[in-house]
């Protein structure tokens, strides 16, 4: 997806930055407006976060709406939902943060989830950073209970896992 967006917006680094913000937060473009699901987001807020003039955001919206491929992408984006990562400790949940050797390597999520399942630890949420949008993507698993430290060596044996942190 990002390659397609980047291709259409090449030559316009500020518009590309706006598009990155829209994708990162799951904001859609409909009828010349920016939405987080059904909530309209002011252009000025996007410009502030993207570090660009509001006119750049407006031009980005127009560019998206004038291109059928971009319209299809940005017209159908939805936010993924609330991340439990920052509130996990207050809920007595466990958090595992996994840094992959290569974020495109298949099986990291499956292998990690299997190790938790073997210990009867239920996963409440899995968050995977998009390697095209995040310089150092990570897999974050939020579990219904604290994670025992002795699982770390086993997680490090999962093919493609570079580093593991438990919170």
C-alpha atoms as a PDB file:
ATOM      1  CA  UNK A   1       0.000   0.000   0.000  1.00  0.00           C
ATOM      2  CA  UNK A   2       2.671   2.508   1.021  1.00  0.00           C
ATOM      3  CA  UNK A   3       4.639   1.973  -2.195  1.00  0.00           C
ATOM      4  CA  UNK A   4       1.558   2.842  -4.218  1.00  0.00           C
ATOM      5  CA  UNK A   5       0.875   5.969  -2.147  1.00  0.00           C
ATOM      6  CA  UNK A   6       4.534   7.022  -2.324  1.00  0.00           C
ATOM      7  CA  UNK A   7       4.556   6.578  -6.100  1.00  0.00           C
ATOM      8  CA  UNK A   8       1.598   8.924  -6.573  1.00  0.00           C
ATOM      9  CA  UNK A   9       2.970  11.541  -4.176  1.00  0.00           C
ATOM     10  CA  UNK A  10       6.640  11.408  -5.174  1.00  0.00           C
ATOM     11  CA  UNK A  11       8.022  14.870  -5.654  1.00  0.00           C
ATOM     12  CA  UNK A  12       5.803  16.182  -2.854  1.00  0.00           C
ATOM     13  CA  UNK A  13       7.547  15.241   0.426  1.00  0.00           C
ATOM     14  CA  UNK A  14       5.179  17.345   2.552  1.00  0.00           C
ATOM     15  CA  UNK A  15       2.108  15.692   1.028  1.00  0.00           C
ATOM     16  CA  UNK A  16       3.762  12.325   1.534  1.00  0.00           C
ATOM     17  CA  UNK A  17       4.207  13.206   5.207  1.00  0.00           C
ATOM     18  CA  UNK A  18       0.501  14.081   5.463  1.00  0.00           C
ATOM     19  CA  UNK A  19      -0.399  10.749   3.820  1.00  0.00           C
ATOM     20  CA  UNK A  20       1.840   8.918   6.310  1.00  0.00           C
ATOM     21  CA  UNK A  21      -0.031  10.549   9.230  1.00  0.00           C
ATOM     22  CA  UNK A  22      -3.392   9.628   7.700  1.00  0.00           C
ATOM     23  CA  UNK A  23      -2.367   5.997   7.283  1.00  0.00           C
ATOM     24  CA  UNK A  24      -0.670   5.766  10.674  1.00  0.00           C
ATOM     25  CA  UNK A  25      -3.842   6.817  12.486  1.00  0.00           C
ATOM     26  CA  UNK A  26      -6.307   5.144  10.133  1.00  0.00           C
ATOM     27  CA  UNK A  27      -7.838   8.456   9.037  1.00  0.00           C
ATOM     28  CA  UNK A  28      -9.973   8.357   5.913  1.00  0.00           C
ATOM     29  CA  UNK A  29     -10.750  11.002   3.315  1.00  0.00           C
ATOM     30  CA  UNK A  30     -14.387  11.485   2.326  1.00  0.00           C
ATOM     31  CA  UNK A  31     -15.999  14.453   0.577  1.00  0.00           C
ATOM     32  CA  UNK A  32     -12.965  16.675   1.089  1.00  0.00           C
ATOM     33  CA  UNK A  33     -12.809  15.992   4.828  1.00  0.00           C
ATOM     34  CA  UNK A  34     -10.631  13.878   7.122  1.00  0.00           C
ATOM     35  CA  UNK A  35     -12.338  11.352   9.383  1.00  0.00           C
ATOM     36  CA  UNK A  36     -11.410   9.067  12.234  1.00  0.00           C
ATOM     37  CA  UNK A  37     -14.221   6.595  11.579  1.00  0.00           C
ATOM     38  CA  UNK A  38     -17.220   8.965  11.916  1.00  0.00           C
ATOM     39  CA  UNK A  39     -15.445  11.815  13.727  1.00  0.00           C
ATOM     40  CA  UNK A  40     -14.284  14.698  11.546  1.00  0.00           C
ATOM     41  CA  UNK A  41     -10.679  15.766  12.165  1.00  0.00           C
ATOM     42  CA  UNK A  42      -9.782  19.432  11.531  1.00  0.00           C
ATOM     43  CA  UNK A  43      -7.236  20.064   8.777  1.00  0.00           C
ATOM     44  CA  UNK A  44      -5.329  22.338  11.156  1.00  0.00           C
ATOM     45  CA  UNK A  45      -4.690  19.449  13.548  1.00  0.00           C
ATOM     46  CA  UNK A  46      -3.281  17.263  10.781  1.00  0.00           C
ATOM     47  CA  UNK A  47      -1.089  20.160   9.598  1.00  0.00           C
ATOM     48  CA  UNK A  48       0.224  20.642  13.144  1.00  0.00           C
ATOM     49  CA  UNK A  49       1.096  16.965  13.589  1.00  0.00           C
ATOM     50  CA  UNK A  50       2.592  16.675  10.093  1.00  0.00           C
ATOM     51  CA  UNK A  51       4.548  19.923  10.528  1.00  0.00           C
ATOM     52  CA  UNK A  52       3.112  21.452   7.375  1.00  0.00           C
ATOM     53  CA  UNK A  53       0.872  24.366   6.400  1.00  0.00           C
ATOM     54  CA  UNK A  54      -2.877  23.619   6.385  1.00  0.00           C
ATOM     55  CA  UNK A  55      -2.910  24.383   2.637  1.00  0.00           C
ATOM     56  CA  UNK A  56      -0.591  21.405   2.133  1.00  0.00           C
ATOM     57  CA  UNK A  57      -3.126  19.170   3.884  1.00  0.00           C
ATOM     58  CA  UNK A  58      -5.907  20.562   1.670  1.00  0.00           C
ATOM     59  CA  UNK A  59      -3.792  19.946  -1.466  1.00  0.00           C
ATOM     60  CA  UNK A  60      -3.085  16.408  -0.263  1.00  0.00           C
ATOM     61  CA  UNK A  61      -6.814  15.782   0.179  1.00  0.00           C
ATOM     62  CA  UNK A  62      -7.484  17.097  -3.345  1.00  0.00           C
ATOM     63  CA  UNK A  63      -4.724  14.932  -4.806  1.00  0.00           C
ATOM     64  CA  UNK A  64      -6.168  11.871  -3.074  1.00  0.00           C
ATOM     65  CA  UNK A  65      -9.691  12.618  -4.273  1.00  0.00           C
ATOM     66  CA  UNK A  66      -8.546  13.142  -7.867  1.00  0.00           C
ATOM     67  CA  UNK A  67      -6.852   9.751  -8.075  1.00  0.00           C
ATOM     68  CA  UNK A  68      -9.003   6.607  -8.128  1.00  0.00           C
ATOM     69  CA  UNK A  69      -6.325   4.378  -6.581  1.00  0.00           C
ATOM     70  CA  UNK A  70      -5.655   6.819  -3.742  1.00  0.00           C
ATOM     71  CA  UNK A  71      -9.397   7.356  -3.297  1.00  0.00           C
ATOM     72  CA  UNK A  72      -9.850   3.622  -2.852  1.00  0.00           C
ATOM     73  CA  UNK A  73      -7.117   3.453  -0.212  1.00  0.00           C
ATOM     74  CA  UNK A  74      -7.899   6.597   1.766  1.00  0.00           C
ATOM     75  CA  UNK A  75     -11.656   6.360   1.379  1.00  0.00           C
ATOM     76  CA  UNK A  76     -11.704   3.019   3.164  1.00  0.00           C
ATOM     77  CA  UNK A  77      -9.157   3.440   5.955  1.00  0.00           C
ATOM     78  CA  UNK A  78     -10.393   2.797   9.489  1.00  0.00           C
ATOM     79  CA  UNK A  79      -8.591   3.136  12.815  1.00  0.00           C
ATOM     80  CA  UNK A  80      -7.515  -0.198  14.292  1.00  0.00           C
ATOM     81  CA  UNK A  81      -8.805   0.620  17.775  1.00  0.00           C
ATOM     82  CA  UNK A  82      -7.360   1.520  21.120  1.00  0.00           C
ATOM     83  CA  UNK A  83      -3.976   0.131  22.075  1.00  0.00           C
ATOM     84  CA  UNK A  84      -3.878  -1.418  25.537  1.00  0.00           C
ATOM     85  CA  UNK A  85      -0.082  -1.166  25.704  1.00  0.00           C
ATOM     86  CA  UNK A  86       0.131   1.943  27.888  1.00  0.00           C
ATOM     87  CA  UNK A  87      -2.618   0.835  30.286  1.00  0.00           C
ATOM     88  CA  UNK A  88      -1.648  -2.847  30.523  1.00  0.00           C
ATOM     89  CA  UNK A  89       0.087  -2.525  33.894  1.00  0.00           C
ATOM     90  CA  UNK A  90      -2.998  -0.876  35.417  1.00  0.00           C
ATOM     91  CA  UNK A  91      -5.096  -3.783  34.167  1.00  0.00           C
ATOM     92  CA  UNK A  92      -2.574  -6.370  35.395  1.00  0.00           C
ATOM     93  CA  UNK A  93      -1.940  -7.460  31.806  1.00  0.00           C
ATOM     94  CA  UNK A  94       1.437  -8.612  30.539  1.00  0.00           C
ATOM     95  CA  UNK A  95       3.205  -7.021  27.588  1.00  0.00           C
ATOM     96  CA  UNK A  96       5.774  -8.612  25.303  1.00  0.00           C
ATOM     97  CA  UNK A  97       7.636  -6.409  22.835  1.00  0.00           C
ATOM     98  CA  UNK A  98       9.410  -8.311  20.063  1.00  0.00           C
ATOM     99  CA  UNK A  99      11.907  -6.753  17.684  1.00  0.00           C
ATOM    100  CA  UNK A 100      12.296  -8.856  14.541  1.00  0.00           C
ATOM    101  CA  UNK A 101      15.448  -9.463  12.532  1.00  0.00           C
ATOM    102  CA  UNK A 102      13.324  -8.870   9.432  1.00  0.00           C
ATOM    103  CA  UNK A 103       9.764  -7.607   9.916  1.00  0.00           C
ATOM    104  CA  UNK A 104       8.628  -9.281   6.701  1.00  0.00           C
ATOM    105  CA  UNK A 105       9.645 -12.749   7.873  1.00  0.00           C
ATOM    106  CA  UNK A 106       6.542 -14.907   8.333  1.00  0.00           C
ATOM    107  CA  UNK A 107       5.906 -16.882  11.509  1.00  0.00           C
ATOM    108  CA  UNK A 108       7.050 -14.485  14.240  1.00  0.00           C
ATOM    109  CA  UNK A 109       3.518 -13.751  15.451  1.00  0.00           C
ATOM    110  CA  UNK A 110       2.453 -17.393  15.117  1.00  0.00           C
ATOM    111  CA  UNK A 111       5.506 -18.745  16.950  1.00  0.00           C
ATOM    112  CA  UNK A 112       5.210 -16.219  19.775  1.00  0.00           C
ATOM    113  CA  UNK A 113       1.470 -16.756  20.157  1.00  0.00           C
ATOM    114  CA  UNK A 114       1.972 -20.528  20.255  1.00  0.00           C
ATOM    115  CA  UNK A 115       4.435 -20.233  23.146  1.00  0.00           C
ATOM    116  CA  UNK A 116       1.895 -18.209  25.118  1.00  0.00           C
ATOM    117  CA  UNK A 117      -0.919 -20.627  24.262  1.00  0.00           C
ATOM    118  CA  UNK A 118       1.177 -23.568  25.515  1.00  0.00           C
ATOM    119  CA  UNK A 119       1.284 -21.800  28.889  1.00  0.00           C
ATOM    120  CA  UNK A 120      -2.439 -21.109  28.800  1.00  0.00           C
ATOM    121  CA  UNK A 121      -1.822 -17.361  28.531  1.00  0.00           C
ATOM    122  CA  UNK A 122      -4.529 -15.666  26.494  1.00  0.00           C
ATOM    123  CA  UNK A 123      -3.605 -12.808  24.168  1.00  0.00           C
ATOM    124  CA  UNK A 124      -5.900  -9.794  24.440  1.00  0.00           C
ATOM    125  CA  UNK A 125      -4.273  -7.790  21.683  1.00  0.00           C
ATOM    126  CA  UNK A 126      -1.522  -8.064  19.068  1.00  0.00           C
ATOM    127  CA  UNK A 127      -0.111  -4.906  17.521  1.00  0.00           C
ATOM    128  CA  UNK A 128       2.250  -5.173  14.568  1.00  0.00           C
ATOM    129  CA  UNK A 129       3.995  -2.103  13.184  1.00  0.00           C
ATOM    130  CA  UNK A 130       3.962  -1.733   9.419  1.00  0.00           C
ATOM    131  CA  UNK A 131       7.573  -2.098   8.228  1.00  0.00           C
ATOM    132  CA  UNK A 132       6.910   0.376   5.403  1.00  0.00           C
ATOM    133  CA  UNK A 133       5.875   3.094   7.859  1.00  0.00           C
ATOM    134  CA  UNK A 134       7.974   2.381  10.961  1.00  0.00           C
ATOM    135  CA  UNK A 135      11.782   2.530  10.919  1.00  0.00           C
ATOM    136  CA  UNK A 136      12.136  -0.130  13.645  1.00  0.00           C
ATOM    137  CA  UNK A 137       8.913  -2.159  13.564  1.00  0.00           C
ATOM    138  CA  UNK A 138       7.902  -4.261  16.532  1.00  0.00           C
ATOM    139  CA  UNK A 139       5.336  -6.875  17.474  1.00  0.00           C
ATOM    140  CA  UNK A 140       3.590  -6.135  20.768  1.00  0.00           C
ATOM    141  CA  UNK A 141       1.503  -8.817  22.450  1.00  0.00           C
ATOM    142  CA  UNK A 142      -0.753  -7.877  25.353  1.00  0.00           C
ATOM    143  CA  UNK A 143      -1.751 -10.854  27.456  1.00  0.00           C
ATOM    144  CA  UNK A 144      -4.422 -11.284  30.136  1.00  0.00           C
ATOM    145  CA  UNK A 145      -1.824 -11.891  32.827  1.00  0.00           C
ATOM    146  CA  UNK A 146       1.804 -11.136  33.607  1.00  0.00           C
ATOM    147  CA  UNK A 147       4.343 -12.918  31.439  1.00  0.00           C
ATOM    148  CA  UNK A 148       6.861 -15.180  33.219  1.00  0.00           C
ATOM    149  CA  UNK A 149      10.461 -14.167  32.513  1.00  0.00           C
ATOM    150  CA  UNK A 150      11.512 -17.725  31.722  1.00  0.00           C
ATOM    151  CA  UNK A 151       9.662 -17.482  28.405  1.00  0.00           C
ATOM    152  CA  UNK A 152      12.240 -15.001  27.044  1.00  0.00           C
ATOM    153  CA  UNK A 153      14.836 -17.623  25.944  1.00  0.00           C
ATOM    154  CA  UNK A 154      12.097 -19.565  24.161  1.00  0.00           C
ATOM    155  CA  UNK A 155      10.807 -16.441  22.401  1.00  0.00           C
ATOM    156  CA  UNK A 156      14.360 -15.676  21.268  1.00  0.00           C
ATOM    157  CA  UNK A 157      14.406 -19.108  19.579  1.00  0.00           C
ATOM    158  CA  UNK A 158      11.418 -18.209  17.381  1.00  0.00           C
ATOM    159  CA  UNK A 159      12.740 -17.833  13.837  1.00  0.00           C
ATOM    160  CA  UNK A 160      13.200 -14.156  13.016  1.00  0.00           C
ATOM    161  CA  UNK A 161      13.171 -12.794  16.588  1.00  0.00           C
ATOM    162  CA  UNK A 162      16.048 -10.442  17.360  1.00  0.00           C
ATOM    163  CA  UNK A 163      15.125  -9.016  20.781  1.00  0.00           C
ATOM    164  CA  UNK A 164      12.421  -9.536  23.436  1.00  0.00           C
ATOM    165  CA  UNK A 165      11.290  -7.261  26.257  1.00  0.00           C
ATOM    166  CA  UNK A 166       8.648  -8.068  28.843  1.00  0.00           C
ATOM    167  CA  UNK A 167       6.788  -5.423  30.843  1.00  0.00           C
END
